Amino acid sequence: MKYINELREGNRMTGIYLCRHRQPAVTKNGKPYENVILQDRTGTIDAKIWEPNSQGINEFDVFDYVDIVGDVNSFNGALQVSIKRVRKAEEGEYNPADYLPTSRYDIEEMYQTLLKYIHSVKNQYLLSLLEQLFVKDTETVKRFKISSAAKNVHHGFVGGLLEHTLSVTRFCDFMAKVYPILNRDLLLTAAILHDIGKTRELSEFPQNDYTDDGQLLGHIMIGAEMVHDEAKKIAGFPAELESKLKHCILAHHGELEYGSPKKPALAEAMALNLADNADAKMETLTELFESNSEASGDWLGYNRLFESNIRRTGDL
């Protein structure tokens, strides 16, 4: 099997790929065919099944792993695969890590580092809350390790939520050392929990799409509810402390127009917003540079998110 980024015009494509999209269509002459998008960890490629009822074209659905044989052609300047044979691959024939974008960092190492930050929290109530979610709740731990931090924009890969959370926590730990007005326990707890709602906002890979609660409530509201539910299980958890922690979560996008139900009113909420924003934008730039690694020249064009024409720094 060749990875998609290794394919060239004239190649014969063989092997197992993830089906990201499948839709029937009709040519101008009224002949049925199917549009398919195939994916591996290096990217996606457009594919067509020109003879959907022919022998060798077996049943498969979107998000199935499929074993295909096809020819790589060029159409309108982009590669396109003409699928000749296809079948649904059986579990055990493939490794999902070969087909999904994954963090460049080791997931278990990142999680152990996050646990060190958790165990550095001195407030007994906040520590208990963190341990309930990140140690005792094995289902939440499993989802948190593999979830993305977004469907699009930044950290949209396996382990993305963990990578983003760890980066935000490191930013916040630094700020807590520099600015004495910040309560480190509250700030670090808020940093670790600020996107916990994304474990329920987005479905698991390979779908990585919004759930019903994700559409109706969003991760900020879901996260605040999760904190409330866990705090109720801890005897004597101070109501004021719960409110301060939930405020940090509710305000971490900083502005109402960016999805925060509240604007930051606590120093810790302001620090969390800065850290979250900084990591999101730096990762977005990182992914932008990586996706344009083979582009000629240093100018990458106008970027809508940054509202600026982006340029690589280049050699100094």
C-alpha atoms as a PDB file:
ATOM      1  CA  MET A   1       0.000   0.000   0.000  1.00  0.00           C
ATOM      2  CA  LYS A   2       1.173   3.500  -0.863  1.00  0.00           C
ATOM      3  CA  TYR A   3       0.162   6.439   1.288  1.00  0.00           C
ATOM      4  CA  ILE A   4      -1.966   8.977  -0.559  1.00  0.00           C
ATOM      5  CA  ASN A   5       0.758  11.630  -0.544  1.00  0.00           C
ATOM      6  CA  GLU A   6       3.031   9.170  -2.379  1.00  0.00           C
ATOM      7  CA  LEU A   7       0.613   8.527  -5.254  1.00  0.00           C
ATOM      8  CA  ARG A   8       1.369   9.872  -8.705  1.00  0.00           C
ATOM      9  CA  GLU A   9      -0.507   9.939 -12.006  1.00  0.00           C
ATOM     10  CA  GLY A  10      -0.308   6.565 -13.720  1.00  0.00           C
ATOM     11  CA  ASN A  11       0.073   4.570 -10.462  1.00  0.00           C
ATOM     12  CA  ARG A  12      -2.018   1.519  -9.670  1.00  0.00           C
ATOM     13  CA  MET A  13      -3.577   2.137  -6.230  1.00  0.00           C
ATOM     14  CA  THR A  14      -3.931  -1.007  -4.113  1.00  0.00           C
ATOM     15  CA  GLY A  15      -4.495  -1.514  -0.416  1.00  0.00           C
ATOM     16  CA  ILE A  16      -6.807  -0.544   2.414  1.00  0.00           C
ATOM     17  CA  TYR A  17      -8.058   3.020   2.873  1.00  0.00           C
ATOM     18  CA  LEU A  18     -10.732   4.742   4.934  1.00  0.00           C
ATOM     19  CA  CYS A  19     -13.904   5.739   3.064  1.00  0.00           C
ATOM     20  CA  ARG A  20     -14.703   9.300   4.152  1.00  0.00           C
ATOM     21  CA  HIS A  21     -17.512   9.932   1.664  1.00  0.00           C
ATOM     22  CA  ARG A  22     -19.679   8.000  -0.767  1.00  0.00           C
ATOM     23  CA  GLN A  23     -22.469   9.447  -2.871  1.00  0.00           C
ATOM     24  CA  PRO A  24     -24.274   8.233  -5.995  1.00  0.00           C
ATOM     25  CA  ALA A  25     -24.359  10.563  -9.002  1.00  0.00           C
ATOM     26  CA  VAL A  26     -25.313  10.605 -12.668  1.00  0.00           C
ATOM     27  CA  THR A  27     -23.252  11.687 -15.672  1.00  0.00           C
ATOM     28  CA  LYS A  28     -24.551  14.168 -18.233  1.00  0.00           C
ATOM     29  CA  ASN A  29     -25.533  11.155 -20.327  1.00  0.00           C
ATOM     30  CA  GLY A  30     -27.610   9.705 -17.511  1.00  0.00           C
ATOM     31  CA  LYS A  31     -25.157   6.969 -16.571  1.00  0.00           C
ATOM     32  CA  PRO A  32     -24.910   6.227 -12.815  1.00  0.00           C
ATOM     33  CA  TYR A  33     -21.574   6.415 -11.001  1.00  0.00           C
ATOM     34  CA  GLU A  34     -20.363   7.064  -7.447  1.00  0.00           C
ATOM     35  CA  ASN A  35     -18.256   9.787  -5.864  1.00  0.00           C
ATOM     36  CA  VAL A  36     -15.933   8.485  -3.157  1.00  0.00           C
ATOM     37  CA  ILE A  37     -13.336  10.166  -0.973  1.00  0.00           C
ATOM     38  CA  LEU A  38     -10.567   7.954   0.408  1.00  0.00           C
ATOM     39  CA  GLN A  39      -8.346   8.858   3.337  1.00  0.00           C
ATOM     40  CA  ASP A  40      -5.201   7.785   5.132  1.00  0.00           C
ATOM     41  CA  ARG A  41      -3.089   9.646   7.681  1.00  0.00           C
ATOM     42  CA  THR A  42      -1.371  11.675   4.928  1.00  0.00           C
ATOM     43  CA  GLY A  43      -4.531  13.116   3.399  1.00  0.00           C
ATOM     44  CA  THR A  44      -7.505  12.428   1.140  1.00  0.00           C
ATOM     45  CA  ILE A  45      -8.032  11.716  -2.546  1.00  0.00           C
ATOM     46  CA  ASP A  46     -11.060  11.934  -4.804  1.00  0.00           C
ATOM     47  CA  ALA A  47     -12.189   8.644  -6.354  1.00  0.00           C
ATOM     48  CA  LYS A  48     -14.887   7.466  -8.759  1.00  0.00           C
ATOM     49  CA  ILE A  49     -16.667   4.169  -9.288  1.00  0.00           C
ATOM     50  CA  TRP A  50     -17.698   4.405 -12.936  1.00  0.00           C
ATOM     51  CA  GLU A  51     -19.290   0.940 -13.012  1.00  0.00           C
ATOM     52  CA  PRO A  52     -21.036   0.628  -9.613  1.00  0.00           C
ATOM     53  CA  ASN A  53     -22.927  -2.525 -10.571  1.00  0.00           C
ATOM     54  CA  SER A  54     -19.956  -4.393 -12.022  1.00  0.00           C
ATOM     55  CA  GLN A  55     -18.412  -7.552 -10.579  1.00  0.00           C
ATOM     56  CA  GLY A  56     -15.802  -6.757  -7.944  1.00  0.00           C
ATOM     57  CA  ILE A  57     -17.627  -3.722  -6.552  1.00  0.00           C
ATOM     58  CA  ASN A  58     -18.843  -5.049  -3.190  1.00  0.00           C
ATOM     59  CA  GLU A  59     -20.981  -3.346  -0.549  1.00  0.00           C
ATOM     60  CA  PHE A  60     -19.366  -0.819   1.809  1.00  0.00           C
ATOM     61  CA  ASP A  61     -20.468   2.269   3.729  1.00  0.00           C
ATOM     62  CA  VAL A  62     -19.029   5.623   4.721  1.00  0.00           C
ATOM     63  CA  PHE A  63     -16.378   5.236   7.470  1.00  0.00           C
ATOM     64  CA  ASP A  64     -15.698   1.647   6.486  1.00  0.00           C
ATOM     65  CA  TYR A  65     -12.113   0.605   5.807  1.00  0.00           C
ATOM     66  CA  VAL A  66     -12.062  -0.637   2.224  1.00  0.00           C
ATOM     67  CA  ASP A  67      -9.617  -2.722   0.236  1.00  0.00           C
ATOM     68  CA  ILE A  68      -9.428  -1.231  -3.235  1.00  0.00           C
ATOM     69  CA  VAL A  69      -7.751  -1.600  -6.611  1.00  0.00           C
ATOM     70  CA  GLY A  70      -7.795   1.455  -8.837  1.00  0.00           C
ATOM     71  CA  ASP A  71      -5.933   3.588 -11.355  1.00  0.00           C
ATOM     72  CA  VAL A  72      -4.604   7.045 -10.468  1.00  0.00           C
ATOM     73  CA  ASN A  73      -5.354   9.692 -13.073  1.00  0.00           C
ATOM     74  CA  SER A  74      -5.293  13.478 -13.216  1.00  0.00           C
ATOM     75  CA  PHE A  75      -8.454  15.566 -13.559  1.00  0.00           C
ATOM     76  CA  ASN A  76      -8.563  19.384 -13.500  1.00  0.00           C
ATOM     77  CA  GLY A  77      -5.052  19.458 -12.085  1.00  0.00           C
ATOM     78  CA  ALA A  78      -5.755  17.087  -9.163  1.00  0.00           C
ATOM     79  CA  LEU A  79      -5.252  13.366  -8.730  1.00  0.00           C
ATOM     80  CA  GLN A  80      -8.301  11.141  -9.009  1.00  0.00           C
ATOM     81  CA  VAL A  81      -8.698   7.392  -8.601  1.00  0.00           C
ATOM     82  CA  SER A  82     -10.825   5.222 -10.856  1.00  0.00           C
ATOM     83  CA  ILE A  83     -11.837   2.316  -8.611  1.00  0.00           C
ATOM     84  CA  LYS A  84     -11.924  -1.076 -10.351  1.00  0.00           C
ATOM     85  CA  ARG A  85     -12.474  -3.366  -7.363  1.00  0.00           C
ATOM     86  CA  VAL A  86     -13.485  -2.690  -3.777  1.00  0.00           C
ATOM     87  CA  ARG A  87     -14.520  -4.659  -0.725  1.00  0.00           C
ATOM     88  CA  LYS A  88     -15.046  -3.878   2.958  1.00  0.00           C
ATOM     89  CA  ALA A  89     -11.942  -4.792   4.962  1.00  0.00           C
ATOM     90  CA  GLU A  90     -12.327  -6.926   8.057  1.00  0.00           C
ATOM     91  CA  GLU A  91     -11.227  -5.860  11.525  1.00  0.00           C
ATOM     92  CA  GLY A  92      -7.631  -6.934  12.063  1.00  0.00           C
ATOM     93  CA  GLU A  93      -6.630  -6.259   8.455  1.00  0.00           C
ATOM     94  CA  TYR A  94      -5.758  -2.635   9.188  1.00  0.00           C
ATOM     95  CA  ASN A  95      -4.340  -0.353  11.848  1.00  0.00           C
ATOM     96  CA  PRO A  96      -6.591   2.725  12.383  1.00  0.00           C
ATOM     97  CA  ALA A  97      -3.497   4.822  13.160  1.00  0.00           C
ATOM     98  CA  ASP A  98      -2.507   4.528   9.478  1.00  0.00           C
ATOM     99  CA  TYR A  99      -5.702   6.261   8.394  1.00  0.00           C
ATOM    100  CA  LEU A 100      -6.305   9.031  10.897  1.00  0.00           C
ATOM    101  CA  PRO A 101      -4.358  12.219  11.563  1.00  0.00           C
ATOM    102  CA  THR A 102      -2.600  11.762  14.905  1.00  0.00           C
ATOM    103  CA  SER A 103      -0.654  13.981  17.276  1.00  0.00           C
ATOM    104  CA  ARG A 104       3.052  14.202  16.537  1.00  0.00           C
ATOM    105  CA  TYR A 105       3.647  13.537  20.249  1.00  0.00           C
ATOM    106  CA  ASP A 106       3.296  10.275  22.173  1.00  0.00           C
ATOM    107  CA  ILE A 107      -0.202  10.209  23.671  1.00  0.00           C
ATOM    108  CA  GLU A 108       0.680   8.224  26.787  1.00  0.00           C
ATOM    109  CA  GLU A 109       3.673  10.431  27.567  1.00  0.00           C
ATOM    110  CA  MET A 110       1.501  13.531  27.245  1.00  0.00           C
ATOM    111  CA  TYR A 111      -1.107  12.033  29.555  1.00  0.00           C
ATOM    112  CA  GLN A 112       1.474  11.174  32.209  1.00  0.00           C
ATOM    113  CA  THR A 113       2.725  14.762  32.067  1.00  0.00           C
ATOM    114  CA  LEU A 114      -0.838  16.017  32.502  1.00  0.00           C
ATOM    115  CA  LEU A 115      -1.249  13.733  35.525  1.00  0.00           C
ATOM    116  CA  LYS A 116       1.825  15.354  37.097  1.00  0.00           C
ATOM    117  CA  TYR A 117       0.156  18.735  36.799  1.00  0.00           C
ATOM    118  CA  ILE A 118      -3.021  17.271  38.305  1.00  0.00           C
ATOM    119  CA  HIS A 119      -1.150  15.880  41.289  1.00  0.00           C
ATOM    120  CA  SER A 120       0.555  19.238  41.840  1.00  0.00           C
ATOM    121  CA  VAL A 121      -2.825  20.809  42.716  1.00  0.00           C
ATOM    122  CA  LYS A 122      -2.949  21.325  46.476  1.00  0.00           C
ATOM    123  CA  ASN A 123      -6.608  22.216  47.030  1.00  0.00           C
ATOM    124  CA  GLN A 124      -8.240  18.973  48.164  1.00  0.00           C
ATOM    125  CA  TYR A 125     -11.555  19.624  46.428  1.00  0.00           C
ATOM    126  CA  LEU A 126     -10.051  20.567  43.089  1.00  0.00           C
ATOM    127  CA  LEU A 127      -7.643  17.632  43.272  1.00  0.00           C
ATOM    128  CA  SER A 128     -10.501  15.224  44.015  1.00  0.00           C
ATOM    129  CA  LEU A 129     -12.481  16.618  41.091  1.00  0.00           C
ATOM    130  CA  LEU A 130      -9.565  16.166  38.708  1.00  0.00           C
ATOM    131  CA  GLU A 131      -8.823  12.652  39.946  1.00  0.00           C
ATOM    132  CA  GLN A 132     -12.453  11.613  39.494  1.00  0.00           C
ATOM    133  CA  LEU A 133     -12.393  12.603  35.827  1.00  0.00           C
ATOM    134  CA  PHE A 134      -8.804  11.858  34.825  1.00  0.00           C
ATOM    135  CA  VAL A 135      -7.967   8.817  36.968  1.00  0.00           C
ATOM    136  CA  LYS A 136     -11.099   7.028  38.161  1.00  0.00           C
ATOM    137  CA  ASP A 137     -13.450   7.603  35.213  1.00  0.00           C
ATOM    138  CA  THR A 138     -11.832   5.208  32.743  1.00  0.00           C
ATOM    139  CA  GLU A 139     -14.337   5.953  29.958  1.00  0.00           C
ATOM    140  CA  THR A 140     -13.651   9.692  30.131  1.00  0.00           C
ATOM    141  CA  VAL A 141      -9.907   9.009  30.250  1.00  0.00           C
ATOM    142  CA  LYS A 142     -10.151   6.836  27.128  1.00  0.00           C
ATOM    143  CA  ARG A 143     -12.142   9.433  25.191  1.00  0.00           C
ATOM    144  CA  PHE A 144      -9.961  12.312  26.387  1.00  0.00           C
ATOM    145  CA  LYS A 145      -6.780  10.625  25.138  1.00  0.00           C
ATOM    146  CA  ILE A 146      -8.046  10.049  21.606  1.00  0.00           C
ATOM    147  CA  SER A 147     -10.423  12.987  21.063  1.00  0.00           C
ATOM    148  CA  SER A 148      -9.642  15.898  18.797  1.00  0.00           C
ATOM    149  CA  ALA A 149      -9.832  19.483  20.011  1.00  0.00           C
ATOM    150  CA  ALA A 150     -11.914  20.546  17.021  1.00  0.00           C
ATOM    151  CA  LYS A 151     -13.622  19.294  13.895  1.00  0.00           C
ATOM    152  CA  ASN A 152     -11.616  21.843  11.939  1.00  0.00           C
ATOM    153  CA  VAL A 153      -9.289  24.831  12.565  1.00  0.00           C
ATOM    154  CA  HIS A 154      -6.732  23.432  15.055  1.00  0.00           C
ATOM    155  CA  HIS A 155      -5.775  20.171  16.796  1.00  0.00           C
ATOM    156  CA  GLY A 156      -8.296  18.268  14.659  1.00  0.00           C
ATOM    157  CA  PHE A 157      -6.539  14.923  15.076  1.00  0.00           C
ATOM    158  CA  VAL A 158      -6.336  11.904  17.381  1.00  0.00           C
ATOM    159  CA  GLY A 159      -4.806  13.131  20.637  1.00  0.00           C
ATOM    160  CA  GLY A 160      -5.492  16.750  19.689  1.00  0.00           C
ATOM    161  CA  LEU A 161      -7.591  17.489  22.769  1.00  0.00           C
ATOM    162  CA  LEU A 162      -4.889  16.124  25.059  1.00  0.00           C
ATOM    163  CA  GLU A 163      -2.112  17.984  23.226  1.00  0.00           C
ATOM    164  CA  HIS A 164      -4.034  21.275  23.339  1.00  0.00           C
ATOM    165  CA  THR A 165      -5.000  20.853  26.997  1.00  0.00           C
ATOM    166  CA  LEU A 166      -1.417  20.124  28.002  1.00  0.00           C
ATOM    167  CA  SER A 167      -0.130  23.166  26.107  1.00  0.00           C
ATOM    168  CA  VAL A 168      -2.738  25.438  27.706  1.00  0.00           C
ATOM    169  CA  THR A 169      -1.879  24.018  31.139  1.00  0.00           C
ATOM    170  CA  ARG A 170       1.821  24.741  30.589  1.00  0.00           C
ATOM    171  CA  PHE A 171       1.019  28.323  29.569  1.00  0.00           C
ATOM    172  CA  CYS A 172      -1.110  28.756  32.684  1.00  0.00           C
ATOM    173  CA  ASP A 173       1.521  27.242  34.960  1.00  0.00           C
ATOM    174  CA  PHE A 174       4.038  29.750  33.588  1.00  0.00           C
ATOM    175  CA  MET A 175       1.672  32.667  34.167  1.00  0.00           C
ATOM    176  CA  ALA A 176       0.926  31.521  37.715  1.00  0.00           C
ATOM    177  CA  LYS A 177       4.661  31.704  38.493  1.00  0.00           C
ATOM    178  CA  VAL A 178       5.022  35.190  37.002  1.00  0.00           C
ATOM    179  CA  TYR A 179       1.834  36.845  38.283  1.00  0.00           C
ATOM    180  CA  PRO A 180       1.154  36.417  42.032  1.00  0.00           C
ATOM    181  CA  ILE A 181      -2.456  37.593  41.629  1.00  0.00           C
ATOM    182  CA  LEU A 182      -3.285  34.241  40.044  1.00  0.00           C
ATOM    183  CA  ASN A 183      -4.459  31.305  42.144  1.00  0.00           C
ATOM    184  CA  ARG A 184      -2.452  28.453  40.662  1.00  0.00           C
ATOM    185  CA  ASP A 185      -4.757  25.658  41.834  1.00  0.00           C
ATOM    186  CA  LEU A 186      -7.840  27.280  40.332  1.00  0.00           C
ATOM    187  CA  LEU A 187      -6.055  28.274  37.120  1.00  0.00           C
ATOM    188  CA  LEU A 188      -4.492  24.872  36.462  1.00  0.00           C
ATOM    189  CA  THR A 189      -7.734  23.058  37.251  1.00  0.00           C
ATOM    190  CA  ALA A 190      -9.589  25.336  34.852  1.00  0.00           C
ATOM    191  CA  ALA A 191      -6.921  24.822  32.183  1.00  0.00           C
ATOM    192  CA  ILE A 192      -7.128  21.038  32.477  1.00  0.00           C
ATOM    193  CA  LEU A 193     -10.934  21.085  32.400  1.00  0.00           C
ATOM    194  CA  HIS A 194     -11.605  23.954  29.997  1.00  0.00           C
ATOM    195  CA  ASP A 195     -12.312  21.712  26.979  1.00  0.00           C
ATOM    196  CA  ILE A 196     -13.444  18.539  28.785  1.00  0.00           C
ATOM    197  CA  GLY A 197     -16.852  19.019  27.163  1.00  0.00           C
ATOM    198  CA  LYS A 198     -15.326  18.175  23.796  1.00  0.00           C
ATOM    199  CA  THR A 199     -15.263  14.515  24.814  1.00  0.00           C
ATOM    200  CA  ARG A 200     -19.054  14.706  24.387  1.00  0.00           C
ATOM    201  CA  GLU A 201     -19.346  17.506  21.832  1.00  0.00           C
ATOM    202  CA  LEU A 202     -17.564  15.525  19.112  1.00  0.00           C
ATOM    203  CA  SER A 203     -18.036  11.893  18.139  1.00  0.00           C
ATOM    204  CA  GLU A 204     -15.105   9.512  18.111  1.00  0.00           C
ATOM    205  CA  PHE A 205     -12.894   9.051  15.079  1.00  0.00           C
ATOM    206  CA  PRO A 206     -13.208   8.364  12.232  1.00  0.00           C
ATOM    207  CA  GLN A 207     -16.411  10.460  12.247  1.00  0.00           C
ATOM    208  CA  ASN A 208     -15.106  13.307  14.459  1.00  0.00           C
ATOM    209  CA  ASP A 209     -18.384  15.152  13.923  1.00  0.00           C
ATOM    210  CA  TYR A 210     -20.757  17.041  16.203  1.00  0.00           C
ATOM    211  CA  THR A 211     -23.035  14.961  18.420  1.00  0.00           C
ATOM    212  CA  ASP A 212     -26.599  16.075  19.173  1.00  0.00           C
ATOM    213  CA  ASP A 213     -25.430  17.611  22.464  1.00  0.00           C
ATOM    214  CA  GLY A 214     -22.533  19.197  20.617  1.00  0.00           C
ATOM    215  CA  GLN A 215     -24.969  20.903  18.268  1.00  0.00           C
ATOM    216  CA  LEU A 216     -27.535  21.814  20.919  1.00  0.00           C
ATOM    217  CA  LEU A 217     -25.286  22.776  23.841  1.00  0.00           C
ATOM    218  CA  GLY A 218     -21.651  23.066  22.750  1.00  0.00           C
ATOM    219  CA  HIS A 219     -18.543  22.022  24.646  1.00  0.00           C
ATOM    220  CA  ILE A 220     -18.478  25.044  26.971  1.00  0.00           C
ATOM    221  CA  MET A 221     -21.924  24.327  28.404  1.00  0.00           C
ATOM    222  CA  ILE A 222     -21.287  20.584  28.455  1.00  0.00           C
ATOM    223  CA  GLY A 223     -18.004  21.125  30.338  1.00  0.00           C
ATOM    224  CA  ALA A 224     -19.651  23.326  32.973  1.00  0.00           C
ATOM    225  CA  GLU A 225     -22.340  20.679  33.488  1.00  0.00           C
ATOM    226  CA  MET A 226     -19.710  17.948  33.858  1.00  0.00           C
ATOM    227  CA  VAL A 227     -17.914  19.989  36.529  1.00  0.00           C
ATOM    228  CA  HIS A 228     -21.204  20.543  38.368  1.00  0.00           C
ATOM    229  CA  ASP A 229     -22.083  16.836  38.253  1.00  0.00           C
ATOM    230  CA  GLU A 230     -18.664  15.760  39.535  1.00  0.00           C
ATOM    231  CA  ALA A 231     -18.545  18.437  42.255  1.00  0.00           C
ATOM    232  CA  LYS A 232     -21.847  17.111  43.657  1.00  0.00           C
ATOM    233  CA  LYS A 233     -20.165  13.759  44.293  1.00  0.00           C
ATOM    234  CA  ILE A 234     -17.506  15.337  46.541  1.00  0.00           C
ATOM    235  CA  ALA A 235     -18.657  15.911  50.115  1.00  0.00           C
ATOM    236  CA  GLY A 236     -18.326  19.523  51.219  1.00  0.00           C
ATOM    237  CA  PHE A 237     -17.237  20.882  47.833  1.00  0.00           C
ATOM    238  CA  PRO A 238     -17.514  24.683  48.335  1.00  0.00           C
ATOM    239  CA  ALA A 239     -20.269  26.251  46.221  1.00  0.00           C
ATOM    240  CA  GLU A 240     -18.217  29.405  45.644  1.00  0.00           C
ATOM    241  CA  LEU A 241     -15.241  27.393  44.409  1.00  0.00           C
ATOM    242  CA  GLU A 242     -17.480  25.496  42.007  1.00  0.00           C
ATOM    243  CA  SER A 243     -18.869  28.788  40.663  1.00  0.00           C
ATOM    244  CA  LYS A 244     -15.386  30.230  40.138  1.00  0.00           C
ATOM    245  CA  LEU A 245     -14.235  27.105  38.300  1.00  0.00           C
ATOM    246  CA  LYS A 246     -17.336  27.015  36.105  1.00  0.00           C
ATOM    247  CA  HIS A 247     -16.925  30.726  35.363  1.00  0.00           C
ATOM    248  CA  CYS A 248     -13.422  30.066  34.013  1.00  0.00           C
ATOM    249  CA  ILE A 249     -14.820  27.385  31.718  1.00  0.00           C
ATOM    250  CA  LEU A 250     -17.785  29.490  30.612  1.00  0.00           C
ATOM    251  CA  ALA A 251     -15.555  32.498  29.856  1.00  0.00           C
ATOM    252  CA  HIS A 252     -12.543  30.816  28.286  1.00  0.00           C
ATOM    253  CA  HIS A 253     -13.352  31.969  24.734  1.00  0.00           C
ATOM    254  CA  GLY A 254     -13.135  35.512  26.007  1.00  0.00           C
ATOM    255  CA  GLU A 255     -15.908  37.190  24.025  1.00  0.00           C
ATOM    256  CA  LEU A 256     -19.632  36.579  23.658  1.00  0.00           C
ATOM    257  CA  GLU A 257     -19.324  36.525  19.867  1.00  0.00           C
ATOM    258  CA  TYR A 258     -16.747  33.735  20.143  1.00  0.00           C
ATOM    259  CA  GLY A 259     -19.180  31.468  21.987  1.00  0.00           C
ATOM    260  CA  SER A 260     -18.507  32.277  25.644  1.00  0.00           C
ATOM    261  CA  PRO A 261     -21.713  32.700  27.685  1.00  0.00           C
ATOM    262  CA  LYS A 262     -19.763  35.055  29.977  1.00  0.00           C
ATOM    263  CA  LYS A 263     -16.829  37.409  29.549  1.00  0.00           C
ATOM    264  CA  PRO A 264     -13.901  36.853  31.958  1.00  0.00           C
ATOM    265  CA  ALA A 265     -14.451  38.432  35.369  1.00  0.00           C
ATOM    266  CA  LEU A 266     -11.699  36.616  37.293  1.00  0.00           C
ATOM    267  CA  ALA A 267      -7.962  36.990  36.735  1.00  0.00           C
ATOM    268  CA  GLU A 268      -7.768  33.222  36.285  1.00  0.00           C
ATOM    269  CA  ALA A 269     -10.455  33.312  33.585  1.00  0.00           C
ATOM    270  CA  MET A 270      -8.544  36.046  31.746  1.00  0.00           C
ATOM    271  CA  ALA A 271      -5.288  34.097  31.959  1.00  0.00           C
ATOM    272  CA  LEU A 272      -7.025  30.942  30.706  1.00  0.00           C
ATOM    273  CA  ASN A 273      -8.496  32.819  27.742  1.00  0.00           C
ATOM    274  CA  LEU A 274      -5.059  34.160  26.783  1.00  0.00           C
ATOM    275  CA  ALA A 275      -3.446  30.729  27.043  1.00  0.00           C
ATOM    276  CA  ASP A 276      -6.225  29.025  25.079  1.00  0.00           C
ATOM    277  CA  ASN A 277      -6.124  31.635  22.339  1.00  0.00           C
ATOM    278  CA  ALA A 278      -2.328  31.582  22.097  1.00  0.00           C
ATOM    279  CA  ASP A 279      -2.098  27.812  21.716  1.00  0.00           C
ATOM    280  CA  ALA A 280      -4.982  27.637  19.243  1.00  0.00           C
ATOM    281  CA  LYS A 281      -3.423  30.273  16.988  1.00  0.00           C
ATOM    282  CA  MET A 282       0.125  28.913  17.167  1.00  0.00           C
ATOM    283  CA  GLU A 283      -1.098  25.413  16.320  1.00  0.00           C
ATOM    284  CA  THR A 284      -3.158  26.817  13.454  1.00  0.00           C
ATOM    285  CA  LEU A 285      -0.007  28.464  12.082  1.00  0.00           C
ATOM    286  CA  THR A 286       1.933  25.234  12.581  1.00  0.00           C
ATOM    287  CA  GLU A 287      -0.639  23.256  10.597  1.00  0.00           C
ATOM    288  CA  LEU A 288      -0.746  25.979   7.931  1.00  0.00           C
ATOM    289  CA  PHE A 289       3.020  25.842   7.469  1.00  0.00           C
ATOM    290  CA  GLU A 290       3.023  22.039   7.375  1.00  0.00           C
ATOM    291  CA  SER A 291       0.249  21.887   4.775  1.00  0.00           C
ATOM    292  CA  ASN A 292       2.200  24.349   2.604  1.00  0.00           C
ATOM    293  CA  SER A 293       5.628  22.776   3.171  1.00  0.00           C
ATOM    294  CA  GLU A 294       6.178  22.231  -0.555  1.00  0.00           C
ATOM    295  CA  ALA A 295       4.848  25.605  -1.674  1.00  0.00           C
ATOM    296  CA  SER A 296       7.297  27.789  -3.545  1.00  0.00           C
ATOM    297  CA  GLY A 297       8.083  31.103  -1.892  1.00  0.00           C
ATOM    298  CA  ASP A 298       7.570  32.271   1.667  1.00  0.00           C
ATOM    299  CA  TRP A 299       4.241  34.061   1.207  1.00  0.00           C
ATOM    300  CA  LEU A 300       1.313  31.695   1.816  1.00  0.00           C
ATOM    301  CA  GLY A 301      -1.520  34.067   0.924  1.00  0.00           C
ATOM    302  CA  TYR A 302      -4.395  35.627   2.839  1.00  0.00           C
ATOM    303  CA  ASN A 303      -5.715  33.667   5.808  1.00  0.00           C
ATOM    304  CA  ARG A 304      -9.283  34.372   6.887  1.00  0.00           C
ATOM    305  CA  LEU A 305      -8.734  33.349  10.513  1.00  0.00           C
ATOM    306  CA  PHE A 306      -5.820  35.741  10.996  1.00  0.00           C
ATOM    307  CA  GLU A 307      -7.159  38.352   8.549  1.00  0.00           C
ATOM    308  CA  SER A 308      -3.646  38.711   7.227  1.00  0.00           C
ATOM    309  CA  ASN A 309      -1.383  37.633   4.390  1.00  0.00           C
ATOM    310  CA  ILE A 310       0.831  35.023   6.098  1.00  0.00           C
ATOM    311  CA  ARG A 311       4.551  34.670   5.445  1.00  0.00           C
ATOM    312  CA  ARG A 312       7.111  32.182   6.672  1.00  0.00           C
ATOM    313  CA  THR A 313       9.927  33.811   8.644  1.00  0.00           C
ATOM    314  CA  GLY A 314      12.568  32.054   6.549  1.00  0.00           C
ATOM    315  CA  ASP A 315      16.285  32.181   7.238  1.00  0.00           C
ATOM    316  CA  LEU A 316      17.672  35.135   9.189  1.00  0.00           C
END
